[in-house]
All heavy atoms as atom14 arrays in JSON, in Angstrom:
{
  "sequence": "PYGIAFALPDCSSIEGPRAIAAPFQNSLNFGNPVAPHDTRGYPSFA",
  "atom14_mask": [
    [1, 1, 1, 1, 1, 1, 1, 0, 0, 0, 0, 0, 0, 0],
    [1, 1, 1, 1, 1, 1, 1, 1, 1, 1, 1, 1, 0, 0],
    [1, 1, 1, 1, 0, 0, 0, 0, 0, 0, 0, 0, 0, 0],
    [1, 1, 1, 1, 1, 1, 1, 1, 0, 0, 0, 0, 0, 0],
    [1, 1, 1, 1, 1, 0, 0, 0, 0, 0, 0, 0, 0, 0],
    [1, 1, 1, 1, 1, 1, 1, 1, 1, 1, 1, 0, 0, 0],
    [1, 1, 1, 1, 1, 0, 0, 0, 0, 0, 0, 0, 0, 0],
    [1, 1, 1, 1, 1, 1, 1, 1, 0, 0, 0, 0, 0, 0],
    [1, 1, 1, 1, 1, 1, 1, 0, 0, 0, 0, 0, 0, 0],
    [1, 1, 1, 1, 1, 1, 1, 1, 0, 0, 0, 0, 0, 0],
    [1, 1, 1, 1, 1, 1, 0, 0, 0, 0, 0, 0, 0, 0],
    [1, 1, 1, 1, 1, 1, 0, 0, 0, 0, 0, 0, 0, 0],
    [1, 1, 1, 1, 1, 1, 0, 0, 0, 0, 0, 0, 0, 0],
    [1, 1, 1, 1, 1, 1, 1, 1, 0, 0, 0, 0, 0, 0],
    [1, 1, 1, 1, 1, 1, 1, 1, 1, 0, 0, 0, 0, 0],
    [1, 1, 1, 1, 0, 0, 0, 0, 0, 0, 0, 0, 0, 0],
    [1, 1, 1, 1, 1, 1, 1, 0, 0, 0, 0, 0, 0, 0],
    [1, 1, 1, 1, 1, 1, 1, 1, 1, 1, 1, 0, 0, 0],
    [1, 1, 1, 1, 1, 0, 0, 0, 0, 0, 0, 0, 0, 0],
    [1, 1, 1, 1, 1, 1, 1, 1, 0, 0, 0, 0, 0, 0],
    [1, 1, 1, 1, 1, 0, 0, 0, 0, 0, 0, 0, 0, 0],
    [1, 1, 1, 1, 1, 0, 0, 0, 0, 0, 0, 0, 0, 0],
    [1, 1, 1, 1, 1, 1, 1, 0, 0, 0, 0, 0, 0, 0],
    [1, 1, 1, 1, 1, 1, 1, 1, 1, 1, 1, 0, 0, 0],
    [1, 1, 1, 1, 1, 1, 1, 1, 1, 0, 0, 0, 0, 0],
    [1, 1, 1, 1, 1, 1, 1, 1, 0, 0, 0, 0, 0, 0],
    [1, 1, 1, 1, 1, 1, 0, 0, 0, 0, 0, 0, 0, 0],
    [1, 1, 1, 1, 1, 1, 1, 1, 0, 0, 0, 0, 0, 0],
    [1, 1, 1, 1, 1, 1, 1, 1, 0, 0, 0, 0, 0, 0],
    [1, 1, 1, 1, 1, 1, 1, 1, 1, 1, 1, 0, 0, 0],
    [1, 1, 1, 1, 0, 0, 0, 0, 0, 0, 0, 0, 0, 0],
    [1, 1, 1, 1, 1, 1, 1, 1, 0, 0, 0, 0, 0, 0],
    [1, 1, 1, 1, 1, 1, 1, 0, 0, 0, 0, 0, 0, 0],
    [1, 1, 1, 1, 1, 1, 1, 0, 0, 0, 0, 0, 0, 0],
    [1, 1, 1, 1, 1, 0, 0, 0, 0, 0, 0, 0, 0, 0],
    [1, 1, 1, 1, 1, 1, 1, 0, 0, 0, 0, 0, 0, 0],
    [1, 1, 1, 1, 1, 1, 1, 1, 1, 1, 0, 0, 0, 0],
    [1, 1, 1, 1, 1, 1, 1, 1, 0, 0, 0, 0, 0, 0],
    [1, 1, 1, 1, 1, 1, 1, 0, 0, 0, 0, 0, 0, 0],
    [1, 1, 1, 1, 1, 1, 1, 1, 1, 1, 1, 0, 0, 0],
    [1, 1, 1, 1, 0, 0, 0, 0, 0, 0, 0, 0, 0, 0],
    [1, 1, 1, 1, 1, 1, 1, 1, 1, 1, 1, 1, 0, 0],
    [1, 1, 1, 1, 1, 1, 1, 0, 0, 0, 0, 0, 0, 0],
    [1, 1, 1, 1, 1, 1, 0, 0, 0, 0, 0, 0, 0, 0],
    [1, 1, 1, 1, 1, 1, 1, 1, 1, 1, 1, 0, 0, 0],
    [1, 1, 1, 1, 1, 0, 0, 0, 0, 0, 0, 0, 0, 0]
  ],
  "atom14_positions": [
    [[0.8, -1.2, -0.02], [0.02, 0.0, 0.0], [0.83, 1.28, -0.01], [0.4, 2.31, -0.46], [-0.84, -0.1, 1.31], [-0.68, -1.44, 1.78], [0.48, -2.11, 1.11], [0.0, 0.0, 0.0], [0.0, 0.0, 0.0], [0.0, 0.0, 0.0], [0.0, 0.0, 0.0], [0.0, 0.0, 0.0], [0.0, 0.0, 0.0], [0.0, 0.0, 0.0]],
    [[2.06, 1.23, 0.49], [2.92, 2.45, 0.52], [3.94, 2.5, -0.61], [4.82, 3.33, -0.61], [3.67, 2.49, 1.87], [2.74, 2.71, 3.05], [2.64, 1.72, 4.03], [1.88, 3.76, 3.11], [1.75, 1.87, 5.08], [1.04, 3.93, 4.21], [0.97, 3.01, 5.17], [0.11, 3.18, 6.25], [0.0, 0.0, 0.0], [0.0, 0.0, 0.0]],
    [[3.84, 1.6, -1.58], [4.64, 1.7, -2.79], [5.82, 0.78, -2.83], [6.05, -0.08, -2.01], [0.0, 0.0, 0.0], [0.0, 0.0, 0.0], [0.0, 0.0, 0.0], [0.0, 0.0, 0.0], [0.0, 0.0, 0.0], [0.0, 0.0, 0.0], [0.0, 0.0, 0.0], [0.0, 0.0, 0.0], [0.0, 0.0, 0.0], [0.0, 0.0, 0.0]],
    [[6.6, 1.0, -3.9], [7.69, 0.08, -4.27], [8.78, -0.01, -3.2], [9.36, -1.09, -3.0], [8.28, 0.43, -5.65], [9.16, -0.67, -6.17], [8.95, 1.8, -5.59], [9.55, -0.5, -7.6], [0.0, 0.0, 0.0], [0.0, 0.0, 0.0], [0.0, 0.0, 0.0], [0.0, 0.0, 0.0], [0.0, 0.0, 0.0], [0.0, 0.0, 0.0]],
    [[9.12, 1.07, -2.51], [10.2, 1.01, -1.54], [9.85, 0.09, -0.37], [10.71, -0.53, 0.2], [10.48, 2.43, -1.01], [0.0, 0.0, 0.0], [0.0, 0.0, 0.0], [0.0, 0.0, 0.0], [0.0, 0.0, 0.0], [0.0, 0.0, 0.0], [0.0, 0.0, 0.0], [0.0, 0.0, 0.0], [0.0, 0.0, 0.0], [0.0, 0.0, 0.0]],
    [[8.57, -0.02, -0.06], [8.1, -0.91, 1.0], [7.91, -2.36, 0.43], [8.04, -3.28, 1.19], [6.83, -0.46, 1.64], [7.02, 0.81, 2.51], [7.0, 2.05, 1.89], [7.23, 0.65, 3.84], [7.25, 3.15, 2.71], [7.45, 1.76, 4.62], [7.41, 3.05, 4.06], [0.0, 0.0, 0.0], [0.0, 0.0, 0.0], [0.0, 0.0, 0.0]],
    [[7.51, -2.46, -0.83], [7.27, -3.76, -1.42], [8.6, -4.52, -1.62], [8.71, -5.75, -1.52], [6.54, -3.63, -2.75], [0.0, 0.0, 0.0], [0.0, 0.0, 0.0], [0.0, 0.0, 0.0], [0.0, 0.0, 0.0], [0.0, 0.0, 0.0], [0.0, 0.0, 0.0], [0.0, 0.0, 0.0], [0.0, 0.0, 0.0], [0.0, 0.0, 0.0]],
    [[9.69, -3.78, -2.03], [10.96, -4.42, -2.36], [12.07, -3.79, -1.49], [12.89, -3.03, -1.96], [11.26, -4.19, -3.89], [10.21, -4.73, -4.82], [10.45, -4.3, -6.23], [10.07, -6.21, -4.72], [0.0, 0.0, 0.0], [0.0, 0.0, 0.0], [0.0, 0.0, 0.0], [0.0, 0.0, 0.0], [0.0, 0.0, 0.0], [0.0, 0.0, 0.0]],
    [[12.03, -4.18, -0.19], [12.95, -3.45, 0.78], [14.32, -4.14, 0.9], [14.66, -5.1, 0.22], [12.21, -3.73, 2.1], [11.63, -5.08, 1.95], [11.19, -5.14, 0.45], [0.0, 0.0, 0.0], [0.0, 0.0, 0.0], [0.0, 0.0, 0.0], [0.0, 0.0, 0.0], [0.0, 0.0, 0.0], [0.0, 0.0, 0.0], [0.0, 0.0, 0.0]],
    [[15.1, -3.63, 1.84], [16.29, -4.24, 2.22], [15.96, -5.51, 3.0], [15.06, -5.46, 3.87], [17.15, -3.29, 3.14], [18.43, -3.89, 3.57], [18.58, -5.12, 3.7], [19.34, -3.05, 3.81], [0.0, 0.0, 0.0], [0.0, 0.0, 0.0], [0.0, 0.0, 0.0], [0.0, 0.0, 0.0], [0.0, 0.0, 0.0], [0.0, 0.0, 0.0]],
    [[16.55, -6.6, 2.73], [16.15, -7.91, 3.32], [16.95, -8.32, 4.53], [16.88, -9.44, 5.0], [16.24, -8.99, 2.25], [15.14, -8.73, 0.89], [0.0, 0.0, 0.0], [0.0, 0.0, 0.0], [0.0, 0.0, 0.0], [0.0, 0.0, 0.0], [0.0, 0.0, 0.0], [0.0, 0.0, 0.0], [0.0, 0.0, 0.0], [0.0, 0.0, 0.0]],
    [[17.73, -7.39, 5.07], [18.58, -7.73, 6.2], [17.73, -8.1, 7.43], [18.17, -8.76, 8.3], [19.57, -6.61, 6.52], [18.89, -5.44, 6.84], [0.0, 0.0, 0.0], [0.0, 0.0, 0.0], [0.0, 0.0, 0.0], [0.0, 0.0, 0.0], [0.0, 0.0, 0.0], [0.0, 0.0, 0.0], [0.0, 0.0, 0.0], [0.0, 0.0, 0.0]],
    [[16.46, -7.61, 7.49], [15.63, -7.93, 8.62], [15.33, -9.47, 8.62], [15.06, -10.03, 9.65], [14.35, -7.1, 8.6], [13.6, -7.46, 7.45], [0.0, 0.0, 0.0], [0.0, 0.0, 0.0], [0.0, 0.0, 0.0], [0.0, 0.0, 0.0], [0.0, 0.0, 0.0], [0.0, 0.0, 0.0], [0.0, 0.0, 0.0], [0.0, 0.0, 0.0]],
    [[15.34, -10.1, 7.49], [15.06, -11.54, 7.4], [16.32, -12.29, 7.34], [16.48, -13.37, 7.96], [14.22, -11.85, 6.1], [12.84, -11.2, 6.22], [14.13, -13.33, 5.79], [12.05, -11.3, 4.92], [0.0, 0.0, 0.0], [0.0, 0.0, 0.0], [0.0, 0.0, 0.0], [0.0, 0.0, 0.0], [0.0, 0.0, 0.0], [0.0, 0.0, 0.0]],
    [[17.35, -11.81, 6.6], [18.56, -12.57, 6.34], [19.75, -12.2, 7.24], [20.82, -12.85, 7.16], [18.95, -12.45, 4.9], [17.92, -12.96, 3.96], [18.32, -12.87, 2.54], [19.35, -12.16, 2.18], [17.74, -13.53, 1.67], [0.0, 0.0, 0.0], [0.0, 0.0, 0.0], [0.0, 0.0, 0.0], [0.0, 0.0, 0.0], [0.0, 0.0, 0.0]],
    [[19.62, -11.08, 7.97], [20.78, -10.63, 8.77], [21.63, -9.73, 7.86], [21.48, -9.68, 6.65], [0.0, 0.0, 0.0], [0.0, 0.0, 0.0], [0.0, 0.0, 0.0], [0.0, 0.0, 0.0], [0.0, 0.0, 0.0], [0.0, 0.0, 0.0], [0.0, 0.0, 0.0], [0.0, 0.0, 0.0], [0.0, 0.0, 0.0], [0.0, 0.0, 0.0]],
    [[22.56, -9.01, 8.49], [23.44, -8.11, 7.69], [24.33, -8.93, 6.74], [24.85, -9.95, 7.12], [24.26, -7.4, 8.75], [24.09, -8.14, 10.01], [22.84, -8.95, 9.92], [0.0, 0.0, 0.0], [0.0, 0.0, 0.0], [0.0, 0.0, 0.0], [0.0, 0.0, 0.0], [0.0, 0.0, 0.0], [0.0, 0.0, 0.0], [0.0, 0.0, 0.0]],
    [[24.31, -8.44, 5.5], [25.07, -9.15, 4.45], [24.59, -10.57, 4.27], [25.33, -11.42, 3.73], [26.62, -9.14, 4.66], [27.12, -7.7, 4.94], [27.61, -6.95, 3.76], [28.55, -7.7, 2.89], [28.48, -7.63, 1.57], [27.62, -6.86, 0.99], [29.33, -8.32, 0.86], [0.0, 0.0, 0.0], [0.0, 0.0, 0.0], [0.0, 0.0, 0.0]],
    [[23.39, -10.9, 4.69], [22.74, -12.22, 4.55], [23.53, -13.31, 5.28], [23.43, -14.48, 4.87], [22.54, -12.56, 3.06], [0.0, 0.0, 0.0], [0.0, 0.0, 0.0], [0.0, 0.0, 0.0], [0.0, 0.0, 0.0], [0.0, 0.0, 0.0], [0.0, 0.0, 0.0], [0.0, 0.0, 0.0], [0.0, 0.0, 0.0], [0.0, 0.0, 0.0]],
    [[24.22, -13.03, 6.32], [25.01, -14.05, 7.04], [24.11, -15.0, 7.87], [24.62, -16.03, 8.25], [26.1, -13.39, 7.92], [25.44, -12.5, 8.99], [27.08, -12.62, 7.1], [26.4, -11.96, 10.05], [0.0, 0.0, 0.0], [0.0, 0.0, 0.0], [0.0, 0.0, 0.0], [0.0, 0.0, 0.0], [0.0, 0.0, 0.0], [0.0, 0.0, 0.0]],
    [[22.9, -14.62, 8.1], [22.01, -15.51, 8.88], [21.01, -16.26, 8.03], [19.98, -16.69, 8.52], [21.22, -14.65, 9.88], [0.0, 0.0, 0.0], [0.0, 0.0, 0.0], [0.0, 0.0, 0.0], [0.0, 0.0, 0.0], [0.0, 0.0, 0.0], [0.0, 0.0, 0.0], [0.0, 0.0, 0.0], [0.0, 0.0, 0.0], [0.0, 0.0, 0.0]],
    [[21.32, -16.41, 6.76], [20.43, -17.11, 5.84], [21.12, -18.18, 5.04], [21.23, -18.07, 3.77], [19.8, -16.07, 4.93], [0.0, 0.0, 0.0], [0.0, 0.0, 0.0], [0.0, 0.0, 0.0], [0.0, 0.0, 0.0], [0.0, 0.0, 0.0], [0.0, 0.0, 0.0], [0.0, 0.0, 0.0], [0.0, 0.0, 0.0], [0.0, 0.0, 0.0]],
    [[21.59, -19.24, 5.63], [22.36, -20.27, 4.85], [21.52, -21.01, 3.8], [21.97, -21.25, 2.76], [22.85, -21.23, 5.91], [22.01, -21.04, 7.12], [21.55, -19.55, 7.06], [0.0, 0.0, 0.0], [0.0, 0.0, 0.0], [0.0, 0.0, 0.0], [0.0, 0.0, 0.0], [0.0, 0.0, 0.0], [0.0, 0.0, 0.0], [0.0, 0.0, 0.0]],
    [[20.24, -21.23, 4.15], [19.4, -21.92, 3.1], [19.12, -21.04, 1.93], [19.2, -21.48, 0.78], [18.12, -22.46, 3.75], [17.32, -23.35, 2.9], [17.83, -24.59, 2.57], [16.12, -22.99, 2.33], [17.15, -25.49, 1.74], [15.42, -23.81, 1.55], [15.9, -25.11, 1.24], [0.0, 0.0, 0.0], [0.0, 0.0, 0.0], [0.0, 0.0, 0.0]],
    [[18.73, -19.8, 2.23], [18.52, -18.86, 1.08], [19.85, -18.67, 0.29], [19.73, -18.61, -0.98], [18.05, -17.47, 1.61], [16.6, -17.54, 2.18], [16.54, -17.69, 3.66], [17.39, -18.46, 4.24], [15.6, -17.0, 4.32], [0.0, 0.0, 0.0], [0.0, 0.0, 0.0], [0.0, 0.0, 0.0], [0.0, 0.0, 0.0], [0.0, 0.0, 0.0]],
    [[20.94, -18.53, 0.93], [22.15, -18.42, 0.18], [22.47, -19.55, -0.68], [23.0, -19.47, -1.79], [23.32, -18.12, 1.16], [23.31, -16.75, 1.78], [22.74, -15.82, 1.19], [23.91, -16.6, 2.95], [0.0, 0.0, 0.0], [0.0, 0.0, 0.0], [0.0, 0.0, 0.0], [0.0, 0.0, 0.0], [0.0, 0.0, 0.0], [0.0, 0.0, 0.0]],
    [[22.2, -20.79, -0.15], [22.41, -22.02, -0.97], [21.54, -22.02, -2.19], [21.93, -22.32, -3.28], [22.14, -23.21, -0.08], [23.06, -23.37, 0.94], [0.0, 0.0, 0.0], [0.0, 0.0, 0.0], [0.0, 0.0, 0.0], [0.0, 0.0, 0.0], [0.0, 0.0, 0.0], [0.0, 0.0, 0.0], [0.0, 0.0, 0.0], [0.0, 0.0, 0.0]],
    [[20.23, -21.61, -2.01], [19.34, -21.58, -3.14], [19.74, -20.53, -4.17], [19.68, -20.77, -5.35], [17.91, -21.29, -2.68], [17.16, -22.4, -2.0], [15.8, -21.9, -1.42], [16.9, -23.54, -3.02], [0.0, 0.0, 0.0], [0.0, 0.0, 0.0], [0.0, 0.0, 0.0], [0.0, 0.0, 0.0], [0.0, 0.0, 0.0], [0.0, 0.0, 0.0]],
    [[20.08, -19.36, -3.69], [20.36, -18.25, -4.62], [21.74, -18.25, -5.18], [21.96, -17.86, -6.32], [20.15, -16.91, -3.91], [18.67, -16.66, -3.51], [17.79, -17.11, -4.21], [18.47, -15.95, -2.42], [0.0, 0.0, 0.0], [0.0, 0.0, 0.0], [0.0, 0.0, 0.0], [0.0, 0.0, 0.0], [0.0, 0.0, 0.0], [0.0, 0.0, 0.0]],
    [[22.77, -18.67, -4.4], [24.14, -18.49, -4.86], [24.96, -19.83, -4.84], [26.13, -19.8, -5.12], [24.88, -17.46, -4.0], [24.14, -16.15, -3.92], [23.4, -15.79, -2.81], [24.2, -15.29, -5.04], [22.68, -14.54, -2.85], [23.54, -14.1, -5.0], [22.74, -13.72, -3.91], [0.0, 0.0, 0.0], [0.0, 0.0, 0.0], [0.0, 0.0, 0.0]],
    [[24.31, -20.88, -4.42], [25.0, -22.17, -4.37], [26.01, -22.38, -3.27], [26.86, -23.28, -3.31], [0.0, 0.0, 0.0], [0.0, 0.0, 0.0], [0.0, 0.0, 0.0], [0.0, 0.0, 0.0], [0.0, 0.0, 0.0], [0.0, 0.0, 0.0], [0.0, 0.0, 0.0], [0.0, 0.0, 0.0], [0.0, 0.0, 0.0], [0.0, 0.0, 0.0]],
    [[25.9, -21.51, -2.27], [26.89, -21.56, -1.15], [26.2, -21.02, 0.11], [25.66, -19.91, 0.09], [28.07, -20.63, -1.53], [29.13, -20.63, -0.41], [29.01, -21.18, 0.64], [30.27, -19.94, -0.77], [0.0, 0.0, 0.0], [0.0, 0.0, 0.0], [0.0, 0.0, 0.0], [0.0, 0.0, 0.0], [0.0, 0.0, 0.0], [0.0, 0.0, 0.0]],
    [[26.18, -21.85, 1.2], [25.46, -21.38, 2.4], [26.11, -20.21, 3.05], [25.46, -19.41, 3.81], [25.52, -22.59, 3.29], [26.59, -23.44, 2.81], [26.67, -23.18, 1.3], [0.0, 0.0, 0.0], [0.0, 0.0, 0.0], [0.0, 0.0, 0.0], [0.0, 0.0, 0.0], [0.0, 0.0, 0.0], [0.0, 0.0, 0.0], [0.0, 0.0, 0.0]],
    [[27.35, -19.96, 2.8], [28.07, -18.77, 3.29], [28.41, -17.9, 2.1], [29.54, -17.95, 1.61], [29.35, -19.22, 4.07], [30.02, -17.97, 4.7], [29.02, -20.25, 5.12], [0.0, 0.0, 0.0], [0.0, 0.0, 0.0], [0.0, 0.0, 0.0], [0.0, 0.0, 0.0], [0.0, 0.0, 0.0], [0.0, 0.0, 0.0], [0.0, 0.0, 0.0]],
    [[27.43, -17.11, 1.66], [27.64, -16.25, 0.53], [27.19, -14.83, 0.9], [26.09, -14.42, 0.56], [26.83, -16.78, -0.66], [0.0, 0.0, 0.0], [0.0, 0.0, 0.0], [0.0, 0.0, 0.0], [0.0, 0.0, 0.0], [0.0, 0.0, 0.0], [0.0, 0.0, 0.0], [0.0, 0.0, 0.0], [0.0, 0.0, 0.0], [0.0, 0.0, 0.0]],
    [[28.02, -14.09, 1.59], [27.66, -12.71, 2.04], [27.37, -11.92, 0.75], [28.12, -12.0, -0.25], [28.86, -12.2, 2.77], [29.83, -13.28, 2.79], [29.42, -14.41, 2.03], [0.0, 0.0, 0.0], [0.0, 0.0, 0.0], [0.0, 0.0, 0.0], [0.0, 0.0, 0.0], [0.0, 0.0, 0.0], [0.0, 0.0, 0.0], [0.0, 0.0, 0.0]],
    [[26.34, -11.17, 0.83], [26.0, -10.3, -0.29], [25.13, -9.11, 0.19], [24.64, -9.07, 1.27], [25.17, -11.12, -1.36], [23.89, -11.7, -0.91], [23.89, -12.89, -0.22], [22.67, -11.21, -0.94], [22.6, -13.14, 0.08], [21.87, -12.17, -0.29], [0.0, 0.0, 0.0], [0.0, 0.0, 0.0], [0.0, 0.0, 0.0], [0.0, 0.0, 0.0]],
    [[24.95, -8.17, -0.71], [24.2, -6.97, -0.46], [22.69, -7.31, -0.46], [22.23, -7.9, -1.44], [24.51, -5.92, -1.51], [24.01, -4.54, -1.2], [23.06, -4.44, -0.45], [24.62, -3.6, -1.69], [0.0, 0.0, 0.0], [0.0, 0.0, 0.0], [0.0, 0.0, 0.0], [0.0, 0.0, 0.0], [0.0, 0.0, 0.0], [0.0, 0.0, 0.0]],
    [[21.99, -7.02, 0.61], [20.56, -7.43, 0.67], [19.62, -6.27, 0.26], [18.42, -6.42, 0.35], [20.25, -7.83, 2.1], [20.52, -6.77, 3.02], [21.01, -9.07, 2.54], [0.0, 0.0, 0.0], [0.0, 0.0, 0.0], [0.0, 0.0, 0.0], [0.0, 0.0, 0.0], [0.0, 0.0, 0.0], [0.0, 0.0, 0.0], [0.0, 0.0, 0.0]],
    [[20.11, -5.14, -0.18], [19.24, -4.01, -0.5], [18.42, -4.31, -1.72], [18.87, -4.85, -2.72], [20.11, -2.76, -0.78], [20.73, -2.2, 0.46], [21.59, -1.02, 0.14], [22.74, -1.45, -0.68], [23.48, -0.63, -1.43], [23.31, 0.66, -1.38], [24.5, -1.16, -2.11], [0.0, 0.0, 0.0], [0.0, 0.0, 0.0], [0.0, 0.0, 0.0]],
    [[17.17, -3.88, -1.59], [16.21, -4.01, -2.71], [16.15, -2.67, -3.45], [17.16, -2.14, -3.85], [0.0, 0.0, 0.0], [0.0, 0.0, 0.0], [0.0, 0.0, 0.0], [0.0, 0.0, 0.0], [0.0, 0.0, 0.0], [0.0, 0.0, 0.0], [0.0, 0.0, 0.0], [0.0, 0.0, 0.0], [0.0, 0.0, 0.0], [0.0, 0.0, 0.0]],
    [[14.95, -2.2, -3.6], [14.7, -0.96, -4.33], [15.47, 0.2, -3.67], [15.37, 0.33, -2.49], [13.21, -0.65, -4.37], [12.85, 0.62, -5.11], [12.72, 0.61, -6.47], [12.65, 1.8, -4.39], [12.46, 1.77, -7.1], [12.34, 2.98, -5.05], [12.27, 2.92, -6.46], [11.97, 4.07, -7.12], [0.0, 0.0, 0.0], [0.0, 0.0, 0.0]],
    [[16.13, 1.01, -4.46], [16.23, 1.08, -5.91], [17.5, 0.38, -6.49], [17.6, 0.27, -7.66], [16.29, 2.57, -6.22], [17.09, 3.12, -5.06], [16.65, 2.28, -3.83], [0.0, 0.0, 0.0], [0.0, 0.0, 0.0], [0.0, 0.0, 0.0], [0.0, 0.0, 0.0], [0.0, 0.0, 0.0], [0.0, 0.0, 0.0], [0.0, 0.0, 0.0]],
    [[18.38, -0.07, -5.61], [19.65, -0.62, -6.15], [19.59, -2.05, -6.64], [20.26, -2.44, -7.61], [20.76, -0.48, -5.11], [20.53, -1.4, -4.07], [0.0, 0.0, 0.0], [0.0, 0.0, 0.0], [0.0, 0.0, 0.0], [0.0, 0.0, 0.0], [0.0, 0.0, 0.0], [0.0, 0.0, 0.0], [0.0, 0.0, 0.0], [0.0, 0.0, 0.0]],
    [[18.86, -2.93, -5.92], [18.77, -4.37, -6.27], [20.15, -4.96, -6.5], [20.4, -5.68, -7.46], [17.95, -4.58, -7.55], [16.51, -4.09, -7.37], [16.06, -3.0, -8.02], [15.61, -4.76, -6.57], [14.78, -2.53, -7.92], [14.29, -4.31, -6.43], [13.88, -3.2, -7.15], [0.0, 0.0, 0.0], [0.0, 0.0, 0.0], [0.0, 0.0, 0.0]],
    [[21.13, -4.61, -5.69], [22.49, -5.0, -5.86], [22.74, -6.52, -6.14], [23.5, -6.86, -7.0], [23.34, -4.54, -4.63], [0.0, 0.0, 0.0], [0.0, 0.0, 0.0], [0.0, 0.0, 0.0], [0.0, 0.0, 0.0], [0.0, 0.0, 0.0], [0.0, 0.0, 0.0], [0.0, 0.0, 0.0], [0.0, 0.0, 0.0], [0.0, 0.0, 0.0]]
  ]
}
Protein backbone atom coordinates (compact mmCIF):
# COMPACT_ATOMS: atom_id res chain seq x y z
CA PRO A 1 0.00 0.00 0.00
CA TYR A 2 2.92 2.43 0.55
CA GLY A 3 4.64 1.71 -2.77
CA ILE A 4 7.69 0.07 -4.26
CA ALA A 5 10.19 1.02 -1.53
CA PHE A 6 8.10 -0.93 0.99
CA ALA A 7 7.33 -3.78 -1.43
CA LEU A 8 10.96 -4.41 -2.37
CA PRO A 9 12.93 -3.49 0.78
CA ASP A 10 16.32 -4.25 2.23
CA CYS A 11 16.14 -7.91 3.30
CA SER A 12 18.58 -7.74 6.20
CA SER A 13 15.63 -7.97 8.62
CA ILE A 14 15.05 -11.53 7.36
CA GLU A 15 18.58 -12.59 6.37
CA GLY A 16 20.77 -10.62 8.75
CA PRO A 17 23.43 -8.12 7.72
CA ARG A 18 25.08 -9.14 4.43
CA ALA A 19 22.76 -12.22 4.56
CA ILE A 20 25.00 -14.04 7.04
CA ALA A 21 21.99 -15.50 8.91
CA ALA A 22 20.42 -17.12 5.83
CA PRO A 23 22.35 -20.26 4.87
CA PHE A 24 19.40 -21.93 3.14
CA GLN A 25 18.52 -18.85 1.10
CA ASN A 26 22.19 -18.38 0.20
CA SER A 27 22.39 -22.01 -0.95
CA LEU A 28 19.32 -21.58 -3.14
CA ASN A 29 20.37 -18.24 -4.60
CA PHE A 30 24.16 -18.51 -4.83
CA GLY A 31 25.00 -22.19 -4.39
CA ASN A 32 26.89 -21.55 -1.17
CA PRO A 33 25.45 -21.38 2.38
CA VAL A 34 28.07 -18.79 3.31
CA ALA A 35 27.64 -16.25 0.52
CA PRO A 36 27.66 -12.75 1.99
CA HIS A 37 25.96 -10.29 -0.31
CA ASP A 38 24.19 -6.97 -0.44
CA THR A 39 20.57 -7.41 0.68
CA ARG A 40 19.28 -4.02 -0.50
CA GLY A 41 16.21 -4.01 -2.70
CA TYR A 42 14.71 -0.96 -4.33
CA PRO A 43 16.23 1.07 -5.90
CA SER A 44 19.67 -0.61 -6.14
CA PHE A 45 18.78 -4.36 -6.28
CA ALA A 46 22.51 -5.00 -5.85
